[in-house]
Protein backbone atom coordinates (compact mmCIF):
# COMPACT_ATOMS: atom_id res chain seq x y z
CA MET A 1 119.12 139.95 88.85
CA THR A 2 117.19 140.01 91.89
CA ASP A 3 114.66 136.60 93.04
CA PHE A 4 111.28 138.32 93.52
CA SER A 5 109.04 134.96 92.63
CA ALA A 6 107.91 135.79 95.93
CA LEU A 7 106.34 138.93 95.01
CA PRO A 8 102.60 139.02 95.94
CA ASP A 9 100.74 139.56 92.12
CA GLY A 10 99.78 142.62 92.98
CA TRP A 11 103.39 144.17 92.99
CA VAL A 12 105.74 145.02 90.11
CA VAL A 13 109.26 145.42 90.00
CA TRP A 14 109.93 148.78 88.61
CA ASN A 15 113.74 149.01 88.36
CA ASP A 16 116.49 146.73 89.51
CA GLY A 17 119.45 148.33 89.64
CA GLU A 18 123.22 146.64 89.31
CA ASP A 19 123.62 148.38 92.58
CA GLY A 20 121.20 146.58 94.16
CA ARG A 21 118.66 149.03 94.82
CA SER A 22 115.30 148.12 93.62
CA VAL A 23 112.08 150.09 93.26
CA LEU A 24 108.57 148.01 93.66
CA ALA A 25 105.18 149.41 92.67
CA TYR A 26 101.92 148.48 93.58
CA ARG A 27 98.80 147.66 91.17
CA PRO A 28 100.61 150.59 88.28
CA ASP A 29 97.64 149.13 86.16
CA VAL A 30 95.43 151.30 88.52
CA PHE A 31 97.48 154.41 89.63
CA ASN A 32 97.53 155.65 85.96
CA ALA A 33 95.97 159.28 86.86
CA ASP A 34 92.84 158.19 85.55
CA ASP A 35 91.71 155.82 88.56
CA PHE A 36 94.16 157.73 91.02
CA PRO A 37 96.50 159.72 91.06
CA ALA A 38 99.92 158.72 89.78
CA PRO A 39 101.91 160.19 92.97
CA CYS A 40 99.24 157.68 95.23
CA LEU A 41 101.24 154.82 93.56
CA PRO A 42 102.01 153.03 96.64
CA THR A 43 105.99 152.21 96.03
CA LEU A 44 108.60 149.93 97.91
CA TYR A 45 112.06 151.29 97.71
CA LEU A 46 114.89 148.81 98.83
CA THR A 47 118.22 150.75 98.99
CA HIS A 48 121.64 150.57 100.27
CA GLY A 49 121.60 153.35 102.84
CA LYS A 50 119.06 154.98 103.93
CA ARG A 51 116.84 157.16 101.95
CA THR A 52 116.76 160.63 103.60
CA ARG A 53 114.02 162.24 101.83
CA ARG A 54 110.67 161.56 99.17
CA PRO A 55 111.47 159.45 96.14
CA GLY A 56 113.44 161.21 93.47
CA VAL A 57 116.21 162.75 95.97
CA ASN A 58 119.97 162.31 94.87
CA PRO A 59 120.96 158.65 95.59
CA ASN A 60 124.45 160.34 96.99
CA SER A 61 122.39 161.56 99.97
CA ARG A 62 122.58 158.65 102.25
CA THR A 63 123.46 157.62 105.46
CA ALA A 64 124.65 154.58 107.38
CA ASP A 65 126.28 153.48 103.85
CA ASP A 66 126.63 149.91 105.30
CA ASP A 67 123.34 149.14 106.02
CA TRP A 68 120.28 148.27 103.86
CA PHE A 69 116.87 149.96 103.96
CA VAL A 70 113.52 149.29 103.08
CA THR A 71 110.77 151.95 102.99
CA LEU A 72 107.42 151.92 101.38
CA TYR A 73 105.73 155.16 100.54
CA LEU A 74 102.09 156.02 99.75
CA GLU A 75 102.63 159.29 98.75
CA PRO A 76 106.11 161.40 98.26
CA GLU A 77 105.64 162.57 101.79
CA VAL A 78 103.47 159.64 103.35
CA HIS A 79 105.71 156.75 104.62
CA LEU A 80 105.61 153.36 106.61
CA ARG A 81 107.52 154.59 109.77
CA GLU A 82 108.76 150.82 110.50
CA ASP A 83 112.09 149.48 111.87
CA ASN A 84 113.82 148.72 108.20
CA ARG A 85 117.30 148.64 108.66
CA PHE A 86 119.02 145.48 107.88
CA PRO A 87 122.51 144.14 107.79
CA SER A 88 122.63 142.65 104.07
CA ARG A 89 120.40 142.89 100.87
CA GLU A 90 119.17 139.49 101.16
CA ALA A 91 117.99 140.47 104.40
CA ALA A 92 116.24 143.74 102.94
CA LEU A 93 114.93 141.75 100.44
CA GLU A 94 112.99 139.33 102.26
CA TYR A 95 111.46 142.42 104.53
CA ALA A 96 110.61 143.95 101.45
CA ILE A 97 108.20 140.66 100.06
CA GLU A 98 107.59 140.18 103.48
CA LEU A 99 105.96 144.25 103.74
CA ALA A 100 104.57 143.65 99.88
CA ARG A 101 102.83 140.46 100.61
CA ARG A 102 101.26 142.44 104.23
CA PHE A 103 100.22 145.52 102.26
CA ASP A 104 98.66 143.46 99.50
CA ASP A 105 96.73 141.16 102.01
CA GLY A 106 95.25 144.24 103.89
CA GLU A 107 97.14 143.96 106.83
CA LEU A 108 99.21 147.05 107.12
CA ASP A 109 97.14 150.07 108.65
CA TYR A 110 98.27 152.64 105.71
CA ARG A 111 94.87 155.16 106.84
CA GLY A 112 96.83 155.54 110.04
CA LEU A 113 100.06 156.77 108.04
CA TYR A 114 97.92 159.71 107.07
CA GLN A 115 97.39 163.02 109.06
CA VAL A 116 94.40 164.14 106.88
CA PRO A 117 92.41 161.63 105.70
CA ARG A 118 91.84 161.03 101.82
CA GLU A 119 88.45 158.45 102.67
CA ARG A 120 87.46 157.89 98.64
CA TYR A 121 91.21 156.85 98.20
CA PHE A 122 90.85 154.77 101.39
CA ASP A 123 87.64 152.99 100.28
CA ARG A 124 89.35 152.11 96.73
CA LEU A 125 92.34 150.95 98.49
CA ASP A 126 90.62 148.90 100.91
CA GLU A 127 89.05 147.55 97.86
CA LEU A 128 91.87 146.75 95.87
CA THR A 129 93.39 144.84 98.84
CA GLY A 130 90.68 143.10 100.42
CA ARG A 131 90.64 144.99 103.07
CA GLU A 132 87.09 145.78 104.65
CA SER A 133 86.66 149.00 106.27
């Protein structure tokens, strides 16, 4: 079991696999298909080997097996493109927790990740993260 004690309160451990892969979800209490569409659930993936496609793909379709990767998805086809490759799980976990904190504190420009803006969604996400639009 991994130590996620430094994870911000808005994030929950969705899955912490025996193989070291972990999935973290932001405010699943809100992204429940009533208030927000469930596919818009912000999700952090900590994986051994790069995820080459959207969430839910076959875990065997990975590359760079010796490295660890952290990917933040806002929707299945919308993700943060940052240098997220790490030589160890510990370094990747540290980055994932820092990325979760930055997101929770409203420090990430998630609006810039979208090609087609979703203003109503952004306004509500701004409220959740304490970010001023």
